[in-house]
């Protein structure tokens, strides 16, 4: 699996006491809260589940793009390039957005 392990360490450090489960998936790593994926890492990109309601706004932020690894866009998710997660504050903001959305979903 080729994914940015340094980014996974940085993400894990942002969770504190939140009961996140790290799971290897889709050639990267996913972070699940109550069984729902909040964010993840694929290659060098952060993947964030923002939901349909916040999707267009999230795509307008710098260093983001649609989540499309198979030729099919997955709405409600964005990919954030390394430049968008270079500061701890930026990374934390994105991870918090994914957690916030995951908390709106029923546990699996």
PDB file of N, CA and C in Angstrom:
ATOM      1  N   UNK A   1       0.825  -1.185   0.000  1.00  0.00           N
ATOM      2  CA  UNK A   1       0.000   0.000   0.000  1.00  0.00           C
ATOM      3  C   UNK A   1       0.871   1.251   0.000  1.00  0.00           C
ATOM      4  N   UNK A   2       0.582   2.129  -0.902  1.00  0.00           N
ATOM      5  CA  UNK A   2       1.344   3.370  -0.977  1.00  0.00           C
ATOM      6  C   UNK A   2       0.472   4.529  -0.521  1.00  0.00           C
ATOM      7  N   UNK A   3       0.659   4.931   0.710  1.00  0.00           N
ATOM      8  CA  UNK A   3      -0.035   6.101   1.226  1.00  0.00           C
ATOM      9  C   UNK A   3       0.918   6.830   2.161  1.00  0.00           C
ATOM     10  N   UNK A   4       0.615   8.072   2.424  1.00  0.00           N
ATOM     11  CA  UNK A   4       1.489   8.930   3.209  1.00  0.00           C
ATOM     12  C   UNK A   4       1.367   8.587   4.694  1.00  0.00           C
ATOM     13  N   UNK A   5       2.328   7.835   5.192  1.00  0.00           N
ATOM     14  CA  UNK A   5       2.298   7.394   6.592  1.00  0.00           C
ATOM     15  C   UNK A   5       2.532   8.546   7.566  1.00  0.00           C
ATOM     16  N   UNK A   6       3.273   9.542   7.148  1.00  0.00           N
ATOM     17  CA  UNK A   6       3.471  10.715   8.011  1.00  0.00           C
ATOM     18  C   UNK A   6       2.145  11.448   8.204  1.00  0.00           C
ATOM     19  N   UNK A   7       1.359  11.551   7.144  1.00  0.00           N
ATOM     20  CA  UNK A   7       0.047  12.188   7.250  1.00  0.00           C
ATOM     21  C   UNK A   7      -0.854  11.385   8.192  1.00  0.00           C
ATOM     22  N   UNK A   8      -0.803  10.060   8.127  1.00  0.00           N
ATOM     23  CA  UNK A   8      -1.632   9.257   9.030  1.00  0.00           C
ATOM     24  C   UNK A   8      -1.248   9.492  10.488  1.00  0.00           C
ATOM     25  N   UNK A   9       0.026   9.650  10.767  1.00  0.00           N
ATOM     26  CA  UNK A   9       0.476   9.945  12.135  1.00  0.00           C
ATOM     27  C   UNK A   9      -0.055  11.297  12.592  1.00  0.00           C
ATOM     28  N   UNK A  10       0.015  12.282  11.715  1.00  0.00           N
ATOM     29  CA  UNK A  10      -0.476  13.618  12.057  1.00  0.00           C
ATOM     30  C   UNK A  10      -1.978  13.608  12.300  1.00  0.00           C
ATOM     31  N   UNK A  11      -2.712  12.860  11.470  1.00  0.00           N
ATOM     32  CA  UNK A  11      -4.163  12.768  11.650  1.00  0.00           C
ATOM     33  C   UNK A  11      -4.482  12.106  12.980  1.00  0.00           C
ATOM     34  N   UNK A  12      -3.844  11.001  13.259  1.00  0.00           N
ATOM     35  CA  UNK A  12      -4.095  10.278  14.515  1.00  0.00           C
ATOM     36  C   UNK A  12      -3.860  11.160  15.735  1.00  0.00           C
ATOM     37  N   UNK A  13      -2.901  12.053  15.648  1.00  0.00           N
ATOM     38  CA  UNK A  13      -2.592  12.946  16.765  1.00  0.00           C
ATOM     39  C   UNK A  13      -3.696  13.971  17.022  1.00  0.00           C
ATOM     40  N   UNK A  14      -4.586  14.182  16.053  1.00  0.00           N
ATOM     41  CA  UNK A  14      -5.648  15.187  16.220  1.00  0.00           C
ATOM     42  C   UNK A  14      -6.876  14.640  16.947  1.00  0.00           C
ATOM     43  N   UNK A  15      -7.003  13.337  17.123  1.00  0.00           N
ATOM     44  CA  UNK A  15      -8.232  12.756  17.641  1.00  0.00           C
ATOM     45  C   UNK A  15      -8.424  12.900  19.143  1.00  0.00           C
ATOM     46  N   UNK A  16      -7.339  12.965  19.899  1.00  0.00           N
ATOM     47  CA  UNK A  16      -7.487  13.052  21.355  1.00  0.00           C
ATOM     48  C   UNK A  16      -8.234  11.843  21.885  1.00  0.00           C
ATOM     49  N   UNK A  17      -9.350  12.080  22.580  1.00  0.00           N
ATOM     50  CA  UNK A  17     -10.114  10.991  23.185  1.00  0.00           C
ATOM     51  C   UNK A  17     -11.286  10.521  22.325  1.00  0.00           C
ATOM     52  N   UNK A  18     -11.417  11.057  21.132  1.00  0.00           N
ATOM     53  CA  UNK A  18     -12.501  10.649  20.241  1.00  0.00           C
ATOM     54  C   UNK A  18     -12.260   9.191  19.819  1.00  0.00           C
ATOM     55  N   UNK A  19     -13.290   8.335  19.936  1.00  0.00           N
ATOM     56  CA  UNK A  19     -13.097   6.897  19.666  1.00  0.00           C
ATOM     57  C   UNK A  19     -13.031   6.559  18.169  1.00  0.00           C
ATOM     58  N   UNK A  20     -11.984   6.975  17.527  1.00  0.00           N
ATOM     59  CA  UNK A  20     -11.770   6.726  16.103  1.00  0.00           C
ATOM     60  C   UNK A  20     -11.089   5.377  15.920  1.00  0.00           C
ATOM     61  N   UNK A  21     -11.525   4.655  14.915  1.00  0.00           N
ATOM     62  CA  UNK A  21     -10.873   3.392  14.556  1.00  0.00           C
ATOM     63  C   UNK A  21     -10.170   3.596  13.225  1.00  0.00           C
ATOM     64  N   UNK A  22      -8.900   3.246  13.181  1.00  0.00           N
ATOM     65  CA  UNK A  22      -8.113   3.327  11.952  1.00  0.00           C
ATOM     66  C   UNK A  22      -8.205   1.979  11.246  1.00  0.00           C
ATOM     67  N   UNK A  23      -8.531   2.021   9.952  1.00  0.00           N
ATOM     68  CA  UNK A  23      -8.699   0.784   9.201  1.00  0.00           C
ATOM     69  C   UNK A  23      -8.061   0.922   7.826  1.00  0.00           C
ATOM     70  N   UNK A  24      -7.225  -0.050   7.468  1.00  0.00           N
ATOM     71  CA  UNK A  24      -6.642  -0.048   6.130  1.00  0.00           C
ATOM     72  C   UNK A  24      -7.724  -0.429   5.133  1.00  0.00           C
ATOM     73  N   UNK A  25      -7.871   0.407   4.114  1.00  0.00           N
ATOM     74  CA  UNK A  25      -8.891   0.175   3.101  1.00  0.00           C
ATOM     75  C   UNK A  25      -8.560   0.933   1.831  1.00  0.00           C
ATOM     76  N   UNK A  26      -9.078   0.490   0.713  1.00  0.00           N
ATOM     77  CA  UNK A  26      -8.948   1.098  -0.612  1.00  0.00           C
ATOM     78  C   UNK A  26      -7.521   1.532  -0.940  1.00  0.00           C
ATOM     79  N   UNK A  27      -6.535   0.779  -0.485  1.00  0.00           N
ATOM     80  CA  UNK A  27      -5.138   1.122  -0.757  1.00  0.00           C
ATOM     81  C   UNK A  27      -4.620   2.252   0.096  1.00  0.00           C
ATOM     82  N   UNK A  28      -5.353   2.618   1.114  1.00  0.00           N
ATOM     83  CA  UNK A  28      -4.966   3.698   2.022  1.00  0.00           C
ATOM     84  C   UNK A  28      -5.450   3.376   3.419  1.00  0.00           C
ATOM     85  N   UNK A  29      -5.825   4.419   4.147  1.00  0.00           N
ATOM     86  CA  UNK A  29      -6.297   4.273   5.513  1.00  0.00           C
ATOM     87  C   UNK A  29      -7.576   5.078   5.671  1.00  0.00           C
ATOM     88  N   UNK A  30      -8.558   4.490   6.361  1.00  0.00           N
ATOM     89  CA  UNK A  30      -9.783   5.201   6.689  1.00  0.00           C
ATOM     90  C   UNK A  30      -9.892   5.360   8.189  1.00  0.00           C
ATOM     91  N   UNK A  31     -10.540   6.433   8.611  1.00  0.00           N
ATOM     92  CA  UNK A  31     -10.772   6.695  10.028  1.00  0.00           C
ATOM     93  C   UNK A  31     -12.267   6.703  10.264  1.00  0.00           C
ATOM     94  N   UNK A  32     -12.712   5.758  11.096  1.00  0.00           N
ATOM     95  CA  UNK A  32     -14.139   5.556  11.310  1.00  0.00           C
ATOM     96  C   UNK A  32     -14.549   5.964  12.718  1.00  0.00           C
ATOM     97  N   UNK A  33     -15.704   6.599  12.791  1.00  0.00           N
ATOM     98  CA  UNK A  33     -16.293   7.001  14.058  1.00  0.00           C
ATOM     99  C   UNK A  33     -17.669   6.349  14.122  1.00  0.00           C
ATOM    100  N   UNK A  34     -17.863   5.459  15.096  1.00  0.00           N
ATOM    101  CA  UNK A  34     -19.110   4.706  15.242  1.00  0.00           C
ATOM    102  C   UNK A  34     -19.449   3.961  13.946  1.00  0.00           C
ATOM    103  N   UNK A  35     -18.424   3.485  13.248  1.00  0.00           N
ATOM    104  CA  UNK A  35     -18.612   2.710  12.037  1.00  0.00           C
ATOM    105  C   UNK A  35     -18.740   3.520  10.757  1.00  0.00           C
ATOM    106  N   UNK A  36     -18.756   4.841  10.869  1.00  0.00           N
ATOM    107  CA  UNK A  36     -18.883   5.717   9.702  1.00  0.00           C
ATOM    108  C   UNK A  36     -17.546   6.393   9.416  1.00  0.00           C
ATOM    109  N   UNK A  37     -17.149   6.363   8.160  1.00  0.00           N
ATOM    110  CA  UNK A  37     -15.882   6.977   7.805  1.00  0.00           C
ATOM    111  C   UNK A  37     -15.981   8.501   7.871  1.00  0.00           C
ATOM    112  N   UNK A  38     -15.017   9.110   8.547  1.00  0.00           N
ATOM    113  CA  UNK A  38     -14.951  10.567   8.679  1.00  0.00           C
ATOM    114  C   UNK A  38     -13.922  11.155   7.721  1.00  0.00           C
ATOM    115  N   UNK A  39     -12.790  10.465   7.611  1.00  0.00           N
ATOM    116  CA  UNK A  39     -11.715  10.932   6.741  1.00  0.00           C
ATOM    117  C   UNK A  39     -10.795   9.760   6.450  1.00  0.00           C
ATOM    118  N   UNK A  40      -9.787  10.021   5.636  1.00  0.00           N
ATOM    119  CA  UNK A  40      -8.849   8.971   5.303  1.00  0.00           C
ATOM    120  C   UNK A  40      -7.668   9.525   4.537  1.00  0.00           C
ATOM    121  N   UNK A  41      -6.773   8.647   4.181  1.00  0.00           N
ATOM    122  CA  UNK A  41      -5.588   9.010   3.411  1.00  0.00           C
ATOM    123  C   UNK A  41      -5.490   8.064   2.222  1.00  0.00           C
ATOM    124  N   UNK A  42      -5.319   8.641   1.050  1.00  0.00           N
ATOM    125  CA  UNK A  42      -5.099   7.877  -0.170  1.00  0.00           C
ATOM    126  C   UNK A  42      -3.946   8.533  -0.897  1.00  0.00           C
ATOM    127  N   UNK A  43      -2.893   7.785  -1.128  1.00  0.00           N
ATOM    128  CA  UNK A  43      -1.652   8.332  -1.685  1.00  0.00           C
ATOM    129  C   UNK A  43      -1.172   9.454  -0.764  1.00  0.00           C
ATOM    130  N   UNK A  44      -1.038  10.674  -1.284  1.00  0.00           N
ATOM    131  CA  UNK A  44      -0.616  11.810  -0.452  1.00  0.00           C
ATOM    132  C   UNK A  44      -1.772  12.714  -0.067  1.00  0.00           C
ATOM    133  N   UNK A  45      -2.983  12.337  -0.438  1.00  0.00           N
ATOM    134  CA  UNK A  45      -4.144  13.209  -0.215  1.00  0.00           C
ATOM    135  C   UNK A  45      -4.929  12.802   1.021  1.00  0.00           C
ATOM    136  N   UNK A  46      -5.481  13.810   1.671  1.00  0.00           N
ATOM    137  CA  UNK A  46      -6.453  13.606   2.728  1.00  0.00           C
ATOM    138  C   UNK A  46      -7.821  13.516   2.065  1.00  0.00           C
ATOM    139  N   UNK A  47      -8.614  12.550   2.470  1.00  0.00           N
ATOM    140  CA  UNK A  47      -9.986  12.420   1.990  1.00  0.00           C
ATOM    141  C   UNK A  47     -10.880  12.807   3.159  1.00  0.00           C
ATOM    142  N   UNK A  48     -11.837  13.680   2.910  1.00  0.00           N
ATOM    143  CA  UNK A  48     -12.712  14.142   3.985  1.00  0.00           C
ATOM    144  C   UNK A  48     -14.169  13.977   3.569  1.00  0.00           C
ATOM    145  N   UNK A  49     -14.935  13.387   4.459  1.00  0.00           N
ATOM    146  CA  UNK A  49     -16.374  13.252   4.231  1.00  0.00           C
ATOM    147  C   UNK A  49     -17.041  14.507   4.793  1.00  0.00           C
ATOM    148  N   UNK A  50     -17.516  15.348   3.898  1.00  0.00           N
ATOM    149  CA  UNK A  50     -18.100  16.633   4.306  1.00  0.00           C
ATOM    150  C   UNK A  50     -19.616  16.639   4.197  1.00  0.00           C
ATOM    151  N   UNK A  51     -20.183  15.680   3.507  1.00  0.00           N
ATOM    152  CA  UNK A  51     -21.627  15.633   3.307  1.00  0.00           C
ATOM    153  C   UNK A  51     -22.053  16.443   2.093  1.00  0.00           C
ATOM    154  N   UNK A  52     -23.215  16.131   1.593  1.00  0.00           N
ATOM    155  CA  UNK A  52     -23.725  16.807   0.399  1.00  0.00           C
ATOM    156  C   UNK A  52     -23.957  18.295   0.662  1.00  0.00           C
ATOM    157  N   UNK A  53     -24.471  18.621   1.836  1.00  0.00           N
ATOM    158  CA  UNK A  53     -24.811  20.011   2.154  1.00  0.00           C
ATOM    159  C   UNK A  53     -23.590  20.940   2.115  1.00  0.00           C
ATOM    160  N   UNK A  54     -22.443  20.466   2.557  1.00  0.00           N
ATOM    161  CA  UNK A  54     -21.230  21.295   2.611  1.00  0.00           C
ATOM    162  C   UNK A  54     -20.256  21.009   1.473  1.00  0.00           C
ATOM    163  N   UNK A  55     -20.663  20.157   0.550  1.00  0.00           N
ATOM    164  CA  UNK A  55     -19.784  19.691  -0.523  1.00  0.00           C
ATOM    165  C   UNK A  55     -19.265  20.823  -1.407  1.00  0.00           C
ATOM    166  N   UNK A  56     -20.144  21.637  -1.957  1.00  0.00           N
ATOM    167  CA  UNK A  56     -19.720  22.712  -2.871  1.00  0.00           C
ATOM    168  C   UNK A  56     -18.836  23.733  -2.166  1.00  0.00           C
ATOM    169  N   UNK A  57     -19.169  24.066  -0.930  1.00  0.00           N
ATOM    170  CA  UNK A  57     -18.354  25.006  -0.151  1.00  0.00           C
ATOM    171  C   UNK A  57     -16.960  24.442   0.088  1.00  0.00           C
ATOM    172  N   UNK A  58     -16.894  23.160   0.426  1.00  0.00           N
ATOM    173  CA  UNK A  58     -15.591  22.529   0.671  1.00  0.00           C
ATOM    174  C   UNK A  58     -14.741  22.522  -0.595  1.00  0.00           C
ATOM    175  N   UNK A  59     -15.375  22.302  -1.742  1.00  0.00           N
ATOM    176  CA  UNK A  59     -14.622  22.286  -3.003  1.00  0.00           C
ATOM    177  C   UNK A  59     -14.061  23.658  -3.377  1.00  0.00           C
ATOM    178  N   UNK A  60     -14.609  24.711  -2.824  1.00  0.00           N
ATOM    179  CA  UNK A  60     -14.112  26.059  -3.108  1.00  0.00           C
ATOM    180  C   UNK A  60     -12.893  26.413  -2.267  1.00  0.00           C
ATOM    181  N   UNK A  61     -12.603  25.617  -1.252  1.00  0.00           N
ATOM    182  CA  UNK A  61     -11.424  25.874  -0.427  1.00  0.00           C
ATOM    183  C   UNK A  61     -10.162  25.542  -1.223  1.00  0.00           C
ATOM    184  N   UNK A  62      -9.063  26.213  -0.899  1.00  0.00           N
ATOM    185  CA  UNK A  62      -7.817  25.947  -1.626  1.00  0.00           C
ATOM    186  C   UNK A  62      -7.355  24.498  -1.484  1.00  0.00           C
ATOM    187  N   UNK A  63      -6.727  24.005  -2.517  1.00  0.00           N
ATOM    188  CA  UNK A  63      -6.058  22.696  -2.533  1.00  0.00           C
ATOM    189  C   UNK A  63      -7.019  21.522  -2.445  1.00  0.00           C
ATOM    190  N   UNK A  64      -8.276  21.716  -2.868  1.00  0.00           N
ATOM    191  CA  UNK A  64      -9.235  20.610  -2.856  1.00  0.00           C
ATOM    192  C   UNK A  64      -9.599  20.209  -4.280  1.00  0.00           C
ATOM    193  N   UNK A  65     -10.103  18.998  -4.381  1.00  0.00           N
ATOM    194  CA  UNK A  65     -10.607  18.507  -5.661  1.00  0.00           C
ATOM    195  C   UNK A  65     -11.673  17.453  -5.365  1.00  0.00           C
ATOM    196  N   UNK A  66     -12.391  17.082  -6.389  1.00  0.00           N
ATOM    197  CA  UNK A  66     -13.418  16.059  -6.209  1.00  0.00           C
ATOM    198  C   UNK A  66     -12.755  14.721  -5.870  1.00  0.00           C
ATOM    199  N   UNK A  67     -13.484  13.897  -5.175  1.00  0.00           N
ATOM    200  CA  UNK A  67     -13.013  12.557  -4.849  1.00  0.00           C
ATOM    201  C   UNK A  67     -13.418  11.664  -6.016  1.00  0.00           C
ATOM    202  N   UNK A  68     -12.442  11.333  -6.835  1.00  0.00           N
ATOM    203  CA  UNK A  68     -12.681  10.569  -8.053  1.00  0.00           C
ATOM    204  C   UNK A  68     -11.459   9.694  -8.296  1.00  0.00           C
ATOM    205  N   UNK A  69     -11.540   8.462  -7.862  1.00  0.00           N
ATOM    206  CA  UNK A  69     -10.417   7.552  -8.090  1.00  0.00           C
ATOM    207  C   UNK A  69     -10.744   6.485  -9.119  1.00  0.00           C
ATOM    208  N   UNK A  70     -12.012   6.412  -9.520  1.00  0.00           N
ATOM    209  CA  UNK A  70     -12.426   5.358 -10.439  1.00  0.00           C
ATOM    210  C   UNK A  70     -13.071   5.904 -11.712  1.00  0.00           C
ATOM    211  N   UNK A  71     -13.047   7.215 -11.898  1.00  0.00           N
ATOM    212  CA  UNK A  71     -13.729   7.819 -13.033  1.00  0.00           C
ATOM    213  C   UNK A  71     -15.147   8.236 -12.690  1.00  0.00           C
ATOM    214  N   UNK A  72     -15.519   8.021 -11.440  1.00  0.00           N
ATOM    215  CA  UNK A  72     -16.857   8.396 -10.966  1.00  0.00           C
ATOM    216  C   UNK A  72     -16.697   9.293  -9.739  1.00  0.00           C
ATOM    217  N   UNK A  73     -17.225  10.492  -9.819  1.00  0.00           N
ATOM    218  CA  UNK A  73     -17.125  11.453  -8.708  1.00  0.00           C
ATOM    219  C   UNK A  73     -18.010  10.984  -7.557  1.00  0.00           C
ATOM    220  N   UNK A  74     -17.450  11.032  -6.360  1.00  0.00           N
ATOM    221  CA  UNK A  74     -18.211  10.683  -5.166  1.00  0.00           C
ATOM    222  C   UNK A  74     -18.558  11.987  -4.447  1.00  0.00           C
ATOM    223  N   UNK A  75     -19.795  12.419  -4.621  1.00  0.00           N
ATOM    224  CA  UNK A  75     -20.250  13.670  -4.006  1.00  0.00           C
ATOM    225  C   UNK A  75     -20.330  13.507  -2.489  1.00  0.00           C
ATOM    226  N   UNK A  76     -20.041  14.601  -1.794  1.00  0.00           N
ATOM    227  CA  UNK A  76     -20.055  14.559  -0.343  1.00  0.00           C
ATOM    228  C   UNK A  76     -18.684  14.279   0.258  1.00  0.00           C
ATOM    229  N   UNK A  77     -17.727  14.022  -0.601  1.00  0.00           N
ATOM    230  CA  UNK A  77     -16.344  13.761  -0.203  1.00  0.00           C
ATOM    231  C   UNK A  77     -15.431  14.688  -1.000  1.00  0.00           C
ATOM    232  N   UNK A  78     -14.355  15.151  -0.382  1.00  0.00           N
ATOM    233  CA  UNK A  78     -13.346  15.927  -1.100  1.00  0.00           C
ATOM    234  C   UNK A  78     -11.970  15.350  -0.816  1.00  0.00           C
ATOM    235  N   UNK A  79     -11.080  15.590  -1.742  1.00  0.00           N
ATOM    236  CA  UNK A  79      -9.680  15.238  -1.556  1.00  0.00           C
ATOM    237  C   UNK A  79      -8.912  16.538  -1.364  1.00  0.00           C
ATOM    238  N   UNK A  80      -8.014  16.526  -0.392  1.00  0.00           N
ATOM    239  CA  UNK A  80      -7.224  17.709  -0.068  1.00  0.00           C
ATOM    240  C   UNK A  80      -5.762  17.367  -0.339  1.00  0.00           C
ATOM    241  N   UNK A  81      -5.122  18.164  -1.185  1.00  0.00           N
ATOM    242  CA  UNK A  81      -3.724  17.912  -1.541  1.00  0.00           C
ATOM    243  C   UNK A  81      -2.811  18.226  -0.351  1.00  0.00           C
ATOM    244  N   UNK A  82      -1.566  17.762  -0.397  1.00  0.00           N
ATOM    245  CA  UNK A  82      -0.637  18.025   0.701  1.00  0.00           C
ATOM    246  C   UNK A  82      -0.497  19.509   1.057  1.00  0.00           C
ATOM    247  N   UNK A  83      -0.579  20.400   0.079  1.00  0.00           N
ATOM    248  CA  UNK A  83      -0.489  21.828   0.394  1.00  0.00           C
ATOM    249  C   UNK A  83      -1.636  22.279   1.296  1.00  0.00           C
ATOM    250  N   UNK A  84      -2.767  21.618   1.219  1.00  0.00           N
ATOM    251  CA  UNK A  84      -3.923  21.978   2.036  1.00  0.00           C
ATOM    252  C   UNK A  84      -3.886  21.422   3.436  1.00  0.00           C
ATOM    253  N   UNK A  85      -2.906  20.567   3.716  1.00  0.00           N
ATOM    254  CA  UNK A  85      -2.776  19.986   5.058  1.00  0.00           C
ATOM    255  C   UNK A  85      -1.389  20.205   5.639  1.00  0.00           C
ATOM    256  N   UNK A  86      -0.646  21.125   5.051  1.00  0.00           N
ATOM    257  CA  UNK A  86       0.743  21.316   5.494  1.00  0.00           C
ATOM    258  C   UNK A  86       0.837  21.893   6.905  1.00  0.00           C
ATOM    259  N   UNK A  87      -0.124  22.726   7.301  1.00  0.00           N
ATOM    260  CA  UNK A  87      -0.090  23.243   8.678  1.00  0.00           C
ATOM    261  C   UNK A  87      -0.976  22.354   9.559  1.00  0.00           C
ATOM    262  N   UNK A  88      -0.621  22.262  10.821  1.00  0.00           N
ATOM    263  CA  UNK A  88      -1.415  21.464  11.750  1.00  0.00           C
ATOM    264  C   UNK A  88      -2.828  22.033  11.895  1.00  0.00           C
ATOM    265  N   UNK A  89      -2.961  23.359  11.847  1.00  0.00           N
ATOM    266  CA  UNK A  89      -4.284  23.982  11.955  1.00  0.00           C
ATOM    267  C   UNK A  89      -5.167  23.603  10.773  1.00  0.00           C
ATOM    268  N   UNK A  90      -4.613  23.648   9.566  1.00  0.00           N
ATOM    269  CA  UNK A  90      -5.392  23.277   8.379  1.00  0.00           C
ATOM    270  C   UNK A  90      -5.813  21.809   8.444  1.00  0.00           C
ATOM    271  N   UNK A  91      -4.881  20.947   8.811  1.00  0.00           N
ATOM    272  CA  UNK A  91      -5.192  19.527   8.923  1.00  0.00           C
ATOM    273  C   UNK A  91      -6.283  19.310   9.968  1.00  0.00           C
ATOM    274  N   UNK A  92      -6.131  19.930  11.104  1.00  0.00           N
ATOM    275  CA  UNK A  92      -7.110  19.790  12.173  1.00  0.00           C
ATOM    276  C   UNK A  92      -8.492  20.272  11.745  1.00  0.00           C
ATOM    277  N   UNK A  93      -8.549  21.382  11.024  1.00  0.00           N
ATOM    278  CA  UNK A  93      -9.837  21.896  10.541  1.00  0.00           C
ATOM    279  C   UNK A  93     -10.534  20.880   9.643  1.00  0.00           C
ATOM    280  N   UNK A  94      -9.789  20.279   8.730  1.00  0.00           N
ATOM    281  CA  UNK A  94     -10.370  19.287   7.827  1.00  0.00           C
ATOM    282  C   UNK A  94     -10.832  18.051   8.588  1.00  0.00           C
ATOM    283  N   UNK A  95      -9.992  17.555   9.482  1.00  0.00           N
ATOM    284  CA  UNK A  95     -10.352  16.353  10.244  1.00  0.00           C
ATOM    285  C   UNK A  95     -11.594  16.630  11.093  1.00  0.00           C
ATOM    286  N   UNK A  96     -11.644  17.790  11.718  1.00  0.00           N
ATOM    287  CA  UNK A  96     -12.813  18.153  12.521  1.00  0.00           C
ATOM    288  C   UNK A  96     -14.076  18.205  11.672  1.00  0.00           C
ATOM    289  N   UNK A  97     -13.964  18.675  10.439  1.00  0.00           N
ATOM    290  CA  UNK A  97     -15.132  18.720   9.568  1.00  0.00           C
ATOM    291  C   UNK A  97     -15.627  17.306   9.265  1.00  0.00           C
ATOM    292  N   UNK A  98     -14.699  16.392   9.021  1.00  0.00           N
ATOM    293  CA  UNK A  98     -15.088  15.004   8.784  1.00  0.00           C
ATOM    294  C   UNK A  98     -15.724  14.358  10.003  1.00  0.00           C
ATOM    295  N   UNK A  99     -15.167  14.625  11.173  1.00  0.00           N
ATOM    296  CA  UNK A  99     -15.730  14.085  12.418  1.00  0.00           C
ATOM    297  C   UNK A  99     -17.115  14.666  12.660  1.00  0.00           C
ATOM    298  N   UNK A 100     -17.240  15.957  12.467  1.00  0.00           N
ATOM    299  CA  UNK A 100     -18.532  16.621  12.665  1.00  0.00           C
ATOM    300  C   UNK A 100     -19.600  15.971  11.791  1.00  0.00           C
ATOM    301  N   UNK A 101     -19.278  15.698  10.537  1.00  0.00           N
ATOM    302  CA  UNK A 101     -20.257  15.067   9.659  1.00  0.00           C
ATOM    303  C   UNK A 101     -20.537  13.637  10.111  1.00  0.00           C
ATOM    304  N   UNK A 102     -19.514  12.872  10.435  1.00  0.00           N
ATOM    305  CA  UNK A 102     -19.702  11.481  10.845  1.00  0.00           C
ATOM    306  C   UNK A 102     -20.602  11.385  12.074  1.00  0.00           C
ATOM    307  N   UNK A 103     -20.538  12.375  12.945  1.00  0.00           N
ATOM    308  CA  UNK A 103     -21.380  12.372  14.136  1.00  0.00           C
ATOM    309  C   UNK A 103     -22.860  12.581  13.827  1.00  0.00           C
ATOM    310  N   UNK A 104     -23.180  13.055  12.630  1.00  0.00           N
ATOM    311  CA  UNK A 104     -24.583  13.235  12.238  1.00  0.00           C
ATOM    312  C   UNK A 104     -25.214  11.943  11.751  1.00  0.00           C
ATOM    313  N   UNK A 105     -24.401  10.932  11.539  1.00  0.00           N
ATOM    314  CA  UNK A 105     -24.877   9.663  10.979  1.00  0.00           C
ATOM    315  C   UNK A 105     -25.182   8.662  12.093  1.00  0.00           C
ATOM    316  N   UNK A 106     -26.156   7.779  11.861  1.00  0.00           N
ATOM    317  CA  UNK A 106     -26.438   6.754  12.871  1.00  0.00           C
ATOM    318  C   UNK A 106     -25.278   5.765  12.953  1.00  0.00           C
ATOM    319  N   UNK A 107     -24.991   5.265  14.151  1.00  0.00           N
ATOM    320  CA  UNK A 107     -23.912   4.267  14.289  1.00  0.00           C
ATOM    321  C   UNK A 107     -24.212   3.024  13.473  1.00  0.00           C
ATOM    322  N   UNK A 108     -23.139   2.391  12.993  1.00  0.00           N
ATOM    323  CA  UNK A 108     -23.293   1.132  12.239  1.00  0.00           C
ATOM    324  C   UNK A 108     -22.962  -0.031  13.138  1.00  0.00           C
TER     325      UNK A 108
END
